[in-house]
Amino acid sequence: MKAKYIIASILAAAILSGCEKTKEVSSSAVDATKEAASNAADATKDAADAVVEGTKDAAAGAADMAGDAVDATKEAAGDAADATREAGHDVAEGARDAVDATKDAIGDAAGAVKDATQ
């Protein structure tokens, strides 16, 4: 009967030893899973941050491009306005010259008619 108790004790010790080993393996697996989940969360956060930063940079670039386009449009409009003003001045000057030439021609014609009638 003593042998039964000894065998039972040995079996119990082997089973308990196996349970401790199982606990260690389970604990290691849990720790590894936690670490893997933490690493995945960090990688996901880093990727999301990169997307956000990339989007901010793209938006800033688009805003700069739009500002440049507005500036170029303003400059072109100003140049067109200047050219239109200059053309208007040239037309007005030409019209004044034509009026002066017409006055001179009318004066000359009137003088010729006056001389012819006298």
PDB file of N, CA and C in Angstrom:
ATOM      1  N   MET A   1       0.807  -1.171   0.000  1.00  0.00           N
ATOM      2  CA  MET A   1       0.000   0.000   0.000  1.00  0.00           C
ATOM      3  C   MET A   1       0.859   1.245   0.000  1.00  0.00           C
ATOM      4  N   LYS A   2       1.960   1.147   0.661  1.00  0.00           N
ATOM      5  CA  LYS A   2       2.873   2.257   0.653  1.00  0.00           C
ATOM      6  C   LYS A   2       3.333   2.544  -0.754  1.00  0.00           C
ATOM      7  N   ALA A   3       3.514   1.524  -1.531  1.00  0.00           N
ATOM      8  CA  ALA A   3       3.969   1.665  -2.913  1.00  0.00           C
ATOM      9  C   ALA A   3       2.937   2.437  -3.706  1.00  0.00           C
ATOM     10  N   LYS A   4       1.634   2.198  -3.410  1.00  0.00           N
ATOM     11  CA  LYS A   4       0.582   2.933  -4.134  1.00  0.00           C
ATOM     12  C   LYS A   4       0.697   4.418  -3.859  1.00  0.00           C
ATOM     13  N   TYR A   5       0.942   4.763  -2.607  1.00  0.00           N
ATOM     14  CA  TYR A   5       1.058   6.185  -2.241  1.00  0.00           C
ATOM     15  C   TYR A   5       2.290   6.817  -2.886  1.00  0.00           C
ATOM     16  N   ILE A   6       3.342   6.032  -2.930  1.00  0.00           N
ATOM     17  CA  ILE A   6       4.577   6.549  -3.539  1.00  0.00           C
ATOM     18  C   ILE A   6       4.354   6.783  -5.019  1.00  0.00           C
ATOM     19  N   ILE A   7       3.748   5.830  -5.697  1.00  0.00           N
ATOM     20  CA  ILE A   7       3.463   5.957  -7.126  1.00  0.00           C
ATOM     21  C   ILE A   7       2.506   7.118  -7.364  1.00  0.00           C
ATOM     22  N   ALA A   8       1.470   7.236  -6.510  1.00  0.00           N
ATOM     23  CA  ALA A   8       0.512   8.332  -6.645  1.00  0.00           C
ATOM     24  C   ALA A   8       1.207   9.662  -6.430  1.00  0.00           C
ATOM     25  N   SER A   9       2.115   9.728  -5.477  1.00  0.00           N
ATOM     26  CA  SER A   9       2.867  10.962  -5.211  1.00  0.00           C
ATOM     27  C   SER A   9       3.744  11.306  -6.392  1.00  0.00           C
ATOM     28  N   ILE A  10       4.400  10.306  -6.973  1.00  0.00           N
ATOM     29  CA  ILE A  10       5.260  10.532  -8.138  1.00  0.00           C
ATOM     30  C   ILE A  10       4.419  11.026  -9.314  1.00  0.00           C
ATOM     31  N   LEU A  11       3.275  10.375  -9.533  1.00  0.00           N
ATOM     32  CA  LEU A  11       2.375  10.801 -10.618  1.00  0.00           C
ATOM     33  C   LEU A  11       1.865  12.212 -10.373  1.00  0.00           C
ATOM     34  N   ALA A  12       1.489  12.503  -9.138  1.00  0.00           N
ATOM     35  CA  ALA A  12       0.991  13.835  -8.803  1.00  0.00           C
ATOM     36  C   ALA A  12       2.089  14.863  -9.030  1.00  0.00           C
ATOM     37  N   ALA A  13       3.318  14.521  -8.617  1.00  0.00           N
ATOM     38  CA  ALA A  13       4.438  15.445  -8.819  1.00  0.00           C
ATOM     39  C   ALA A  13       4.690  15.656 -10.304  1.00  0.00           C
ATOM     40  N   ALA A  14       4.600  14.601 -11.114  1.00  0.00           N
ATOM     41  CA  ALA A  14       4.811  14.708 -12.563  1.00  0.00           C
ATOM     42  C   ALA A  14       3.714  15.557 -13.189  1.00  0.00           C
ATOM     43  N   ILE A  15       2.474  15.327 -12.748  1.00  0.00           N
ATOM     44  CA  ILE A  15       1.354  16.105 -13.284  1.00  0.00           C
ATOM     45  C   ILE A  15       1.495  17.571 -12.907  1.00  0.00           C
ATOM     46  N   LEU A  16       1.821  17.828 -11.640  1.00  0.00           N
ATOM     47  CA  LEU A  16       1.996  19.211 -11.183  1.00  0.00           C
ATOM     48  C   LEU A  16       3.164  19.870 -11.895  1.00  0.00           C
ATOM     49  N   SER A  17       4.236  19.112 -12.102  1.00  0.00           N
ATOM     50  CA  SER A  17       5.387  19.637 -12.826  1.00  0.00           C
ATOM     51  C   SER A  17       4.973  19.981 -14.245  1.00  0.00           C
ATOM     52  N   GLY A  18       4.149  19.130 -14.865  1.00  0.00           N
ATOM     53  CA  GLY A  18       3.629  19.398 -16.214  1.00  0.00           C
ATOM     54  C   GLY A  18       2.748  20.623 -16.222  1.00  0.00           C
ATOM     55  N   CYS A  19       1.964  20.792 -15.159  1.00  0.00           N
ATOM     56  CA  CYS A  19       1.091  21.972 -15.067  1.00  0.00           C
ATOM     57  C   CYS A  19       1.918  23.247 -14.961  1.00  0.00           C
ATOM     58  N   GLU A  20       3.011  23.187 -14.181  1.00  0.00           N
ATOM     59  CA  GLU A  20       3.884  24.359 -14.045  1.00  0.00           C
ATOM     60  C   GLU A  20       4.503  24.693 -15.394  1.00  0.00           C
ATOM     61  N   LYS A  21       4.919  23.659 -16.122  1.00  0.00           N
ATOM     62  CA  LYS A  21       5.508  23.864 -17.449  1.00  0.00           C
ATOM     63  C   LYS A  21       4.463  24.472 -18.379  1.00  0.00           C
ATOM     64  N   THR A  22       3.236  23.971 -18.283  1.00  0.00           N
ATOM     65  CA  THR A  22       2.144  24.493 -19.107  1.00  0.00           C
ATOM     66  C   THR A  22       1.877  25.951 -18.767  1.00  0.00           C
ATOM     67  N   LYS A  23       1.924  26.271 -17.475  1.00  0.00           N
ATOM     68  CA  LYS A  23       1.731  27.658 -17.053  1.00  0.00           C
ATOM     69  C   LYS A  23       2.812  28.556 -17.632  1.00  0.00           C
ATOM     70  N   GLU A  24       4.078  28.065 -17.580  1.00  0.00           N
ATOM     71  CA  GLU A  24       5.189  28.855 -18.114  1.00  0.00           C
ATOM     72  C   GLU A  24       5.020  29.083 -19.611  1.00  0.00           C
ATOM     73  N   VAL A  25       4.673  28.020 -20.330  1.00  0.00           N
ATOM     74  CA  VAL A  25       4.481  28.134 -21.778  1.00  0.00           C
ATOM     75  C   VAL A  25       3.310  29.070 -22.073  1.00  0.00           C
ATOM     76  N   SER A  26       2.231  28.923 -21.340  1.00  0.00           N
ATOM     77  CA  SER A  26       1.069  29.783 -21.538  1.00  0.00           C
ATOM     78  C   SER A  26       1.412  31.234 -21.238  1.00  0.00           C
ATOM     79  N   SER A  27       2.145  31.432 -20.151  1.00  0.00           N
ATOM     80  CA  SER A  27       2.540  32.780 -19.775  1.00  0.00           C
ATOM     81  C   SER A  27       3.434  33.389 -20.848  1.00  0.00           C
ATOM     82  N   SER A  28       4.363  32.615 -21.376  1.00  0.00           N
ATOM     83  CA  SER A  28       5.245  33.094 -22.440  1.00  0.00           C
ATOM     84  C   SER A  28       4.437  33.430 -23.697  1.00  0.00           C
ATOM     85  N   ALA A  29       3.471  32.565 -24.008  1.00  0.00           N
ATOM     86  CA  ALA A  29       2.632  32.808 -25.187  1.00  0.00           C
ATOM     87  C   ALA A  29       1.804  34.073 -25.017  1.00  0.00           C
ATOM     88  N   VAL A  30       1.271  34.284 -23.814  1.00  0.00           N
ATOM     89  CA  VAL A  30       0.485  35.495 -23.534  1.00  0.00           C
ATOM     90  C   VAL A  30       1.377  36.728 -23.672  1.00  0.00           C
ATOM     91  N   ASP A  31       2.583  36.653 -23.093  1.00  0.00           N
ATOM     92  CA  ASP A  31       3.515  37.782 -23.175  1.00  0.00           C
ATOM     93  C   ASP A  31       3.874  38.084 -24.630  1.00  0.00           C
ATOM     94  N   ALA A  32       4.159  37.027 -25.396  1.00  0.00           N
ATOM     95  CA  ALA A  32       4.513  37.218 -26.805  1.00  0.00           C
ATOM     96  C   ALA A  32       3.342  37.818 -27.588  1.00  0.00           C
ATOM     97  N   THR A  33       2.132  37.381 -27.271  1.00  0.00           N
ATOM     98  CA  THR A  33       0.945  37.918 -27.934  1.00  0.00           C
ATOM     99  C   THR A  33       0.748  39.388 -27.596  1.00  0.00           C
ATOM    100  N   LYS A  34       0.953  39.724 -26.312  1.00  0.00           N
ATOM    101  CA  LYS A  34       0.835  41.130 -25.898  1.00  0.00           C
ATOM    102  C   LYS A  34       1.856  41.988 -26.631  1.00  0.00           C
ATOM    103  N   GLU A  35       3.093  41.489 -26.709  1.00  0.00           N
ATOM    104  CA  GLU A  35       4.149  42.249 -27.381  1.00  0.00           C
ATOM    105  C   GLU A  35       3.833  42.414 -28.869  1.00  0.00           C
ATOM    106  N   ALA A  36       3.367  41.335 -29.508  1.00  0.00           N
ATOM    107  CA  ALA A  36       3.026  41.405 -30.929  1.00  0.00           C
ATOM    108  C   ALA A  36       1.877  42.394 -31.159  1.00  0.00           C
ATOM    109  N   ALA A  37       0.883  42.380 -30.284  1.00  0.00           N
ATOM    110  CA  ALA A  37      -0.240  43.314 -30.407  1.00  0.00           C
ATOM    111  C   ALA A  37       0.232  44.749 -30.213  1.00  0.00           C
ATOM    112  N   SER A  38       1.121  44.961 -29.253  1.00  0.00           N
ATOM    113  CA  SER A  38       1.666  46.299 -29.007  1.00  0.00           C
ATOM    114  C   SER A  38       2.469  46.779 -30.214  1.00  0.00           C
ATOM    115  N   ASN A  39       3.286  45.884 -30.777  1.00  0.00           N
ATOM    116  CA  ASN A  39       4.065  46.236 -31.967  1.00  0.00           C
ATOM    117  C   ASN A  39       3.152  46.561 -33.150  1.00  0.00           C
ATOM    118  N   ALA A  40       2.104  45.775 -33.309  1.00  0.00           N
ATOM    119  CA  ALA A  40       1.156  46.027 -34.402  1.00  0.00           C
ATOM    120  C   ALA A  40       0.449  47.368 -34.204  1.00  0.00           C
ATOM    121  N   ALA A  41       0.079  47.660 -32.962  1.00  0.00           N
ATOM    122  CA  ALA A  41      -0.575  48.942 -32.670  1.00  0.00           C
ATOM    123  C   ALA A  41       0.370  50.101 -32.960  1.00  0.00           C
ATOM    124  N   ASP A  42       1.640  49.962 -32.570  1.00  0.00           N
ATOM    125  CA  ASP A  42       2.628  51.010 -32.840  1.00  0.00           C
ATOM    126  C   ASP A  42       2.823  51.200 -34.337  1.00  0.00           C
ATOM    127  N   ALA A  43       2.928  50.087 -35.068  1.00  0.00           N
ATOM    128  CA  ALA A  43       3.117  50.171 -36.521  1.00  0.00           C
ATOM    129  C   ALA A  43       1.906  50.819 -37.186  1.00  0.00           C
ATOM    130  N   THR A  44       0.712  50.487 -36.719  1.00  0.00           N
ATOM    131  CA  THR A  44      -0.502  51.077 -37.274  1.00  0.00           C
ATOM    132  C   THR A  44      -0.546  52.573 -36.993  1.00  0.00           C
ATOM    133  N   LYS A  45      -0.173  52.964 -35.773  1.00  0.00           N
ATOM    134  CA  LYS A  45      -0.144  54.385 -35.411  1.00  0.00           C
ATOM    135  C   LYS A  45       0.867  55.128 -36.268  1.00  0.00           C
ATOM    136  N   ASP A  46       2.061  54.531 -36.432  1.00  0.00           N
ATOM    137  CA  ASP A  46       3.088  55.165 -37.255  1.00  0.00           C
ATOM    138  C   ASP A  46       2.613  55.342 -38.694  1.00  0.00           C
ATOM    139  N   ALA A  47       1.950  54.320 -39.233  1.00  0.00           N
ATOM    140  CA  ALA A  47       1.441  54.396 -40.603  1.00  0.00           C
ATOM    141  C   ALA A  47       0.365  55.477 -40.713  1.00  0.00           C
ATOM    142  N   ALA A  48      -0.519  55.535 -39.733  1.00  0.00           N
ATOM    143  CA  ALA A  48      -1.574  56.557 -39.751  1.00  0.00           C
ATOM    144  C   ALA A  48      -0.976  57.950 -39.640  1.00  0.00           C
ATOM    145  N   ASP A  49       0.030  58.100 -38.783  1.00  0.00           N
ATOM    146  CA  ASP A  49       0.709  59.397 -38.656  1.00  0.00           C
ATOM    147  C   ASP A  49       1.366  59.800 -39.969  1.00  0.00           C
ATOM    148  N   ALA A  50       1.972  58.823 -40.642  1.00  0.00           N
ATOM    149  CA  ALA A  50       2.622  59.110 -41.927  1.00  0.00           C
ATOM    150  C   ALA A  50       1.592  59.553 -42.963  1.00  0.00           C
ATOM    151  N   VAL A  51       0.434  58.905 -42.967  1.00  0.00           N
ATOM    152  CA  VAL A  51      -0.626  59.294 -43.903  1.00  0.00           C
ATOM    153  C   VAL A  51      -1.114  60.704 -43.591  1.00  0.00           C
ATOM    154  N   VAL A  52      -1.310  61.003 -42.317  1.00  0.00           N
ATOM    155  CA  VAL A  52      -1.773  62.338 -41.913  1.00  0.00           C
ATOM    156  C   VAL A  52      -0.740  63.390 -42.314  1.00  0.00           C
ATOM    157  N   GLU A  53       0.533  63.127 -42.020  1.00  0.00           N
ATOM    158  CA  GLU A  53       1.585  64.083 -42.367  1.00  0.00           C
ATOM    159  C   GLU A  53       1.677  64.251 -43.879  1.00  0.00           C
ATOM    160  N   GLY A  54       1.576  63.141 -44.607  1.00  0.00           N
ATOM    161  CA  GLY A  54       1.608  63.214 -46.069  1.00  0.00           C
ATOM    162  C   GLY A  54       0.447  64.033 -46.602  1.00  0.00           C
ATOM    163  N   THR A  55      -0.719  63.854 -45.998  1.00  0.00           N
ATOM    164  CA  THR A  55      -1.894  64.611 -46.418  1.00  0.00           C
ATOM    165  C   THR A  55      -1.716  66.090 -46.110  1.00  0.00           C
ATOM    166  N   LYS A  56      -1.160  66.394 -44.934  1.00  0.00           N
ATOM    167  CA  LYS A  56      -0.895  67.797 -44.590  1.00  0.00           C
ATOM    168  C   LYS A  56       0.078  68.418 -45.576  1.00  0.00           C
ATOM    169  N   ASP A  57       1.155  67.670 -45.895  1.00  0.00           N
ATOM    170  CA  ASP A  57       2.151  68.188 -46.833  1.00  0.00           C
ATOM    171  C   ASP A  57       1.535  68.409 -48.209  1.00  0.00           C
ATOM    172  N   ALA A  58       0.708  67.465 -48.650  1.00  0.00           N
ATOM    173  CA  ALA A  58       0.060  67.603 -49.956  1.00  0.00           C
ATOM    174  C   ALA A  58      -0.885  68.800 -49.965  1.00  0.00           C
ATOM    175  N   ALA A  59      -1.627  68.979 -48.878  1.00  0.00           N
ATOM    176  CA  ALA A  59      -2.547  70.116 -48.795  1.00  0.00           C
ATOM    177  C   ALA A  59      -1.780  71.433 -48.799  1.00  0.00           C
ATOM    178  N   ALA A  60      -0.663  71.471 -48.076  1.00  0.00           N
ATOM    179  CA  ALA A  60       0.156  72.691 -48.053  1.00  0.00           C
ATOM    180  C   ALA A  60       0.716  72.967 -49.445  1.00  0.00           C
ATOM    181  N   GLY A  61       1.153  71.921 -50.121  1.00  0.00           N
ATOM    182  CA  GLY A  61       1.660  72.082 -51.492  1.00  0.00           C
ATOM    183  C   GLY A  61       0.576  72.584 -52.432  1.00  0.00           C
ATOM    184  N   ALA A  62      -0.625  72.045 -52.289  1.00  0.00           N
ATOM    185  CA  ALA A  62      -1.742  72.488 -53.130  1.00  0.00           C
ATOM    186  C   ALA A  62      -2.088  73.938 -52.838  1.00  0.00           C
ATOM    187  N   ALA A  63      -2.048  74.314 -51.570  1.00  0.00           N
ATOM    188  CA  ALA A  63      -2.334  75.707 -51.208  1.00  0.00           C
ATOM    189  C   ALA A  63      -1.279  76.638 -51.797  1.00  0.00           C
ATOM    190  N   ASP A  64      -0.013  76.218 -51.747  1.00  0.00           N
ATOM    191  CA  ASP A  64       1.049  77.022 -52.348  1.00  0.00           C
ATOM    192  C   ASP A  64       0.852  77.161 -53.852  1.00  0.00           C
ATOM    193  N   MET A  65       0.497  76.061 -54.496  1.00  0.00           N
ATOM    194  CA  MET A  65       0.267  76.102 -55.944  1.00  0.00           C
ATOM    195  C   MET A  65      -0.905  77.016 -56.279  1.00  0.00           C
ATOM    196  N   ALA A  66      -1.961  76.940 -55.485  1.00  0.00           N
ATOM    197  CA  ALA A  66      -3.122  77.799 -55.727  1.00  0.00           C
ATOM    198  C   ALA A  66      -2.742  79.265 -55.532  1.00  0.00           C
ATOM    199  N   GLY A  67      -1.966  79.547 -54.492  1.00  0.00           N
ATOM    200  CA  GLY A  67      -1.510  80.916 -54.256  1.00  0.00           C
ATOM    201  C   GLY A  67      -0.662  81.422 -55.414  1.00  0.00           C
ATOM    202  N   ASP A  68       0.228  80.553 -55.918  1.00  0.00           N
ATOM    203  CA  ASP A  68       1.057  80.930 -57.063  1.00  0.00           C
ATOM    204  C   ASP A  68       0.195  81.202 -58.290  1.00  0.00           C
ATOM    205  N   ALA A  69      -0.832  80.377 -58.491  1.00  0.00           N
ATOM    206  CA  ALA A  69      -1.724  80.572 -59.635  1.00  0.00           C
ATOM    207  C   ALA A  69      -2.483  81.889 -59.508  1.00  0.00           C
ATOM    208  N   VAL A  70      -2.934  82.202 -58.307  1.00  0.00           N
ATOM    209  CA  VAL A  70      -3.641  83.475 -58.086  1.00  0.00           C
ATOM    210  C   VAL A  70      -2.700  84.644 -58.356  1.00  0.00           C
ATOM    211  N   ASP A  71      -1.473  84.546 -57.862  1.00  0.00           N
ATOM    212  CA  ASP A  71      -0.496  85.615 -58.090  1.00  0.00           C
ATOM    213  C   ASP A  71      -0.212  85.790 -59.586  1.00  0.00           C
ATOM    214  N   ALA A  72      -0.044  84.678 -60.290  1.00  0.00           N
ATOM    215  CA  ALA A  72       0.216  84.751 -61.733  1.00  0.00           C
ATOM    216  C   ALA A  72      -0.968  85.364 -62.469  1.00  0.00           C
ATOM    217  N   THR A  73      -2.181  85.009 -62.037  1.00  0.00           N
ATOM    218  CA  THR A  73      -3.381  85.561 -62.667  1.00  0.00           C
ATOM    219  C   THR A  73      -3.472  87.059 -62.413  1.00  0.00           C
ATOM    220  N   LYS A  74      -3.177  87.483 -61.179  1.00  0.00           N
ATOM    221  CA  LYS A  74      -3.185  88.917 -60.869  1.00  0.00           C
ATOM    222  C   LYS A  74      -2.184  89.660 -61.735  1.00  0.00           C
ATOM    223  N   GLU A  75      -0.990  89.089 -61.851  1.00  0.00           N
ATOM    224  CA  GLU A  75       0.051  89.734 -62.640  1.00  0.00           C
ATOM    225  C   GLU A  75      -0.363  89.838 -64.112  1.00  0.00           C
ATOM    226  N   ALA A  76      -0.918  88.743 -64.639  1.00  0.00           N
ATOM    227  CA  ALA A  76      -1.357  88.760 -66.036  1.00  0.00           C
ATOM    228  C   ALA A  76      -2.484  89.772 -66.242  1.00  0.00           C
ATOM    229  N   ALA A  77      -3.400  89.843 -65.293  1.00  0.00           N
ATOM    230  CA  ALA A  77      -4.501  90.811 -65.395  1.00  0.00           C
ATOM    231  C   ALA A  77      -3.967  92.238 -65.328  1.00  0.00           C
ATOM    232  N   GLY A  78      -3.001  92.470 -64.454  1.00  0.00           N
ATOM    233  CA  GLY A  78      -2.385  93.794 -64.365  1.00  0.00           C
ATOM    234  C   GLY A  78      -1.677  94.162 -65.654  1.00  0.00           C
ATOM    235  N   ASP A  79      -0.948  93.201 -66.239  1.00  0.00           N
ATOM    236  CA  ASP A  79      -0.261  93.453 -67.511  1.00  0.00           C
ATOM    237  C   ASP A  79      -1.271  93.758 -68.613  1.00  0.00           C
ATOM    238  N   ALA A  80      -2.378  93.008 -68.637  1.00  0.00           N
ATOM    239  CA  ALA A  80      -3.410  93.249 -69.649  1.00  0.00           C
ATOM    240  C   ALA A  80      -4.038  94.624 -69.455  1.00  0.00           C
ATOM    241  N   ALA A  81      -4.280  95.016 -68.210  1.00  0.00           N
ATOM    242  CA  ALA A  81      -4.853  96.332 -67.931  1.00  0.00           C
ATOM    243  C   ALA A  81      -3.895  97.429 -68.368  1.00  0.00           C
ATOM    244  N   ASP A  82      -2.594  97.250 -68.087  1.00  0.00           N
ATOM    245  CA  ASP A  82      -1.595  98.239 -68.518  1.00  0.00           C
ATOM    246  C   ASP A  82      -1.562  98.350 -70.036  1.00  0.00           C
ATOM    247  N   ALA A  83      -1.578  97.201 -70.716  1.00  0.00           N
ATOM    248  CA  ALA A  83      -1.561  97.211 -72.183  1.00  0.00           C
ATOM    249  C   ALA A  83      -2.809  97.889 -72.734  1.00  0.00           C
ATOM    250  N   THR A  84      -3.952  97.635 -72.117  1.00  0.00           N
ATOM    251  CA  THR A  84      -5.204  98.257 -72.567  1.00  0.00           C
ATOM    252  C   THR A  84      -5.145  99.770 -72.364  1.00  0.00           C
ATOM    253  N   ARG A  85      -4.619 100.198 -71.223  1.00  0.00           N
ATOM    254  CA  ARG A  85      -4.479 101.644 -70.964  1.00  0.00           C
ATOM    255  C   ARG A  85      -3.570 102.291 -71.999  1.00  0.00           C
ATOM    256  N   GLU A  86      -2.432 101.639 -72.249  1.00  0.00           N
ATOM    257  CA  GLU A  86      -1.492 102.189 -73.230  1.00  0.00           C
ATOM    258  C   GLU A  86      -2.127 102.261 -74.608  1.00  0.00           C
ATOM    259  N   ALA A  87      -2.841 101.220 -74.983  1.00  0.00           N
ATOM    260  CA  ALA A  87      -3.524 101.224 -76.283  1.00  0.00           C
ATOM    261  C   ALA A  87      -4.567 102.338 -76.328  1.00  0.00           C
ATOM    262  N   GLY A  88      -5.282 102.516 -75.234  1.00  0.00           N
ATOM    263  CA  GLY A  88      -6.281 103.596 -75.180  1.00  0.00           C
ATOM    264  C   GLY A  88      -5.630 104.959 -75.323  1.00  0.00           C
ATOM    265  N   HIS A  89      -4.480 105.149 -74.665  1.00  0.00           N
ATOM    266  CA  HIS A  89      -3.756 106.419 -74.792  1.00  0.00           C
ATOM    267  C   HIS A  89      -3.286 106.629 -76.235  1.00  0.00           C
ATOM    268  N   ASP A  90      -2.796 105.530 -76.850  1.00  0.00           N
ATOM    269  CA  ASP A  90      -2.342 105.631 -78.242  1.00  0.00           C
ATOM    270  C   ASP A  90      -3.496 105.987 -79.171  1.00  0.00           C
ATOM    271  N   VAL A  91      -4.651 105.366 -78.954  1.00  0.00           N
ATOM    272  CA  VAL A  91      -5.833 105.662 -79.787  1.00  0.00           C
ATOM    273  C   VAL A  91      -6.263 107.106 -79.582  1.00  0.00           C
ATOM    274  N   ALA A  92      -6.275 107.551 -78.320  1.00  0.00           N
ATOM    275  CA  ALA A  92      -6.681 108.930 -78.043  1.00  0.00           C
ATOM    276  C   ALA A  92      -5.710 109.913 -78.678  1.00  0.00           C
ATOM    277  N   GLU A  93      -4.423 109.626 -78.592  1.00  0.00           N
ATOM    278  CA  GLU A  93      -3.417 110.507 -79.200  1.00  0.00           C
ATOM    279  C   GLU A  93      -3.585 110.538 -80.717  1.00  0.00           C
ATOM    280  N   GLY A  94      -3.823 109.373 -81.284  1.00  0.00           N
ATOM    281  CA  GLY A  94      -4.063 109.315 -82.739  1.00  0.00           C
ATOM    282  C   GLY A  94      -5.301 110.094 -83.133  1.00  0.00           C
ATOM    283  N   ALA A  95      -6.345 109.994 -82.318  1.00  0.00           N
ATOM    284  CA  ALA A  95      -7.581 110.736 -82.602  1.00  0.00           C
ATOM    285  C   ALA A  95      -7.322 112.240 -82.511  1.00  0.00           C
ATOM    286  N   ARG A  96      -6.575 112.668 -81.493  1.00  0.00           N
ATOM    287  CA  ARG A  96      -6.250 114.103 -81.363  1.00  0.00           C
ATOM    288  C   ARG A  96      -5.448 114.578 -82.574  1.00  0.00           C
ATOM    289  N   ASP A  97      -4.479 113.756 -82.996  1.00  0.00           N
ATOM    290  CA  ASP A  97      -3.678 114.122 -84.171  1.00  0.00           C
ATOM    291  C   ASP A  97      -4.561 114.220 -85.412  1.00  0.00           C
ATOM    292  N   ALA A  98      -5.519 113.264 -85.533  1.00  0.00           N
ATOM    293  CA  ALA A  98      -6.422 113.298 -86.693  1.00  0.00           C
ATOM    294  C   ALA A  98      -7.313 114.529 -86.650  1.00  0.00           C
ATOM    295  N   VAL A  99      -7.809 114.883 -85.477  1.00  0.00           N
ATOM    296  CA  VAL A  99      -8.652 116.089 -85.340  1.00  0.00           C
ATOM    297  C   VAL A  99      -7.831 117.323 -85.681  1.00  0.00           C
ATOM    298  N   ASP A 100      -6.584 117.392 -85.169  1.00  0.00           N
ATOM    299  CA  ASP A 100      -5.724 118.537 -85.472  1.00  0.00           C
ATOM    300  C   ASP A 100      -5.443 118.622 -86.969  1.00  0.00           C
ATOM    301  N   ALA A 101      -5.168 117.499 -87.598  1.00  0.00           N
ATOM    302  CA  ALA A 101      -4.904 117.490 -89.038  1.00  0.00           C
ATOM    303  C   ALA A 101      -6.149 117.900 -89.807  1.00  0.00           C
ATOM    304  N   THR A 102      -7.317 117.458 -89.343  1.00  0.00           N
ATOM    305  CA  THR A 102      -8.570 117.831 -90.011  1.00  0.00           C
ATOM    306  C   THR A 102      -8.816 119.327 -89.873  1.00  0.00           C
ATOM    307  N   LYS A 103      -8.573 119.867 -88.676  1.00  0.00           N
ATOM    308  CA  LYS A 103      -8.726 121.309 -88.458  1.00  0.00           C
ATOM    309  C   LYS A 103      -7.795 122.088 -89.391  1.00  0.00           C
ATOM    310  N   ASP A 104      -6.543 121.606 -89.465  1.00  0.00           N
ATOM    311  CA  ASP A 104      -5.581 122.282 -90.344  1.00  0.00           C
ATOM    312  C   ASP A 104      -6.049 122.218 -91.794  1.00  0.00           C
ATOM    313  N   ALA A 105      -6.560 121.065 -92.216  1.00  0.00           N
ATOM    314  CA  ALA A 105      -7.024 120.905 -93.603  1.00  0.00           C
ATOM    315  C   ALA A 105      -8.232 121.794 -93.864  1.00  0.00           C
ATOM    316  N   ILE A 106      -9.132 121.861 -92.885  1.00  0.00           N
ATOM    317  CA  ILE A 106     -10.318 122.730 -93.039  1.00  0.00           C
ATOM    318  C   ILE A 106      -9.887 124.192 -93.091  1.00  0.00           C
ATOM    319  N   GLY A 107      -8.926 124.530 -92.228  1.00  0.00           N
ATOM    320  CA  GLY A 107      -8.412 125.908 -92.243  1.00  0.00           C
ATOM    321  C   GLY A 107      -7.755 126.242 -93.564  1.00  0.00           C
ATOM    322  N   ASP A 108      -6.976 125.305 -94.085  1.00  0.00           N
ATOM    323  CA  ASP A 108      -6.317 125.531 -95.374  1.00  0.00           C
ATOM    324  C   ASP A 108      -7.354 125.647 -96.486  1.00  0.00           C
ATOM    325  N   ALA A 109      -8.365 124.762 -96.436  1.00  0.00           N
ATOM    326  CA  ALA A 109      -9.420 124.801 -97.466  1.00  0.00           C
ATOM    327  C   ALA A 109     -10.209 126.106 -97.374  1.00  0.00           C
ATOM    328  N   ALA A 110     -10.490 126.524 -96.154  1.00  0.00           N
ATOM    329  CA  ALA A 110     -11.229 127.772 -95.980  1.00  0.00           C
ATOM    330  C   ALA A 110     -10.389 128.939 -96.494  1.00  0.00           C
ATOM    331  N   GLY A 111      -9.105 128.903 -96.217  1.00  0.00           N
ATOM    332  CA  GLY A 111      -8.215 129.968 -96.721  1.00  0.00           C
ATOM    333  C   GLY A 111      -8.167 129.968 -98.218  1.00  0.00           C
ATOM    334  N   ALA A 112      -8.128 128.795 -98.830  1.00  0.00           N
ATOM    335  CA  ALA A 112      -8.086 128.691-100.281  1.00  0.00           C
ATOM    336  C   ALA A 112      -9.369 129.217-100.884  1.00  0.00           C
ATOM    337  N   VAL A 113     -10.499 128.865-100.273  1.00  0.00           N
ATOM    338  CA  VAL A 113     -11.806 129.350-100.779  1.00  0.00           C
ATOM    339  C   VAL A 113     -11.854 130.872-100.642  1.00  0.00           C
ATOM    340  N   LYS A 114     -11.408 131.409 -99.558  1.00  0.00           N
ATOM    341  CA  LYS A 114     -11.411 132.855 -99.302  1.00  0.00           C
ATOM    342  C   LYS A 114     -10.534 133.570-100.316  1.00  0.00           C
ATOM    343  N   ASP A 115      -9.355 132.994-100.572  1.00  0.00           N
ATOM    344  CA  ASP A 115      -8.445 133.613-101.543  1.00  0.00           C
ATOM    345  C   ASP A 115      -9.040 133.560-102.947  1.00  0.00           C
ATOM    346  N   ALA A 116      -9.712 132.464-103.256  1.00  0.00           N
ATOM    347  CA  ALA A 116     -10.285 132.296-104.582  1.00  0.00           C
ATOM    348  C   ALA A 116     -11.453 133.241-104.799  1.00  0.00           C
ATOM    349  N   THR A 117     -12.169 133.596-103.772  1.00  0.00           N
ATOM    350  CA  THR A 117     -13.333 134.463-103.889  1.00  0.00           C
ATOM    351  C   THR A 117     -12.947 135.930-103.817  1.00  0.00           C
ATOM    352  N   GLN A 118     -11.832 136.254-103.606  1.00  0.00           N
ATOM    353  CA  GLN A 118     -11.466 137.660-103.491  1.00  0.00           C
ATOM    354  C   GLN A 118     -10.878 138.170-104.716  1.00  0.00           C
TER     355      GLN A 118
END
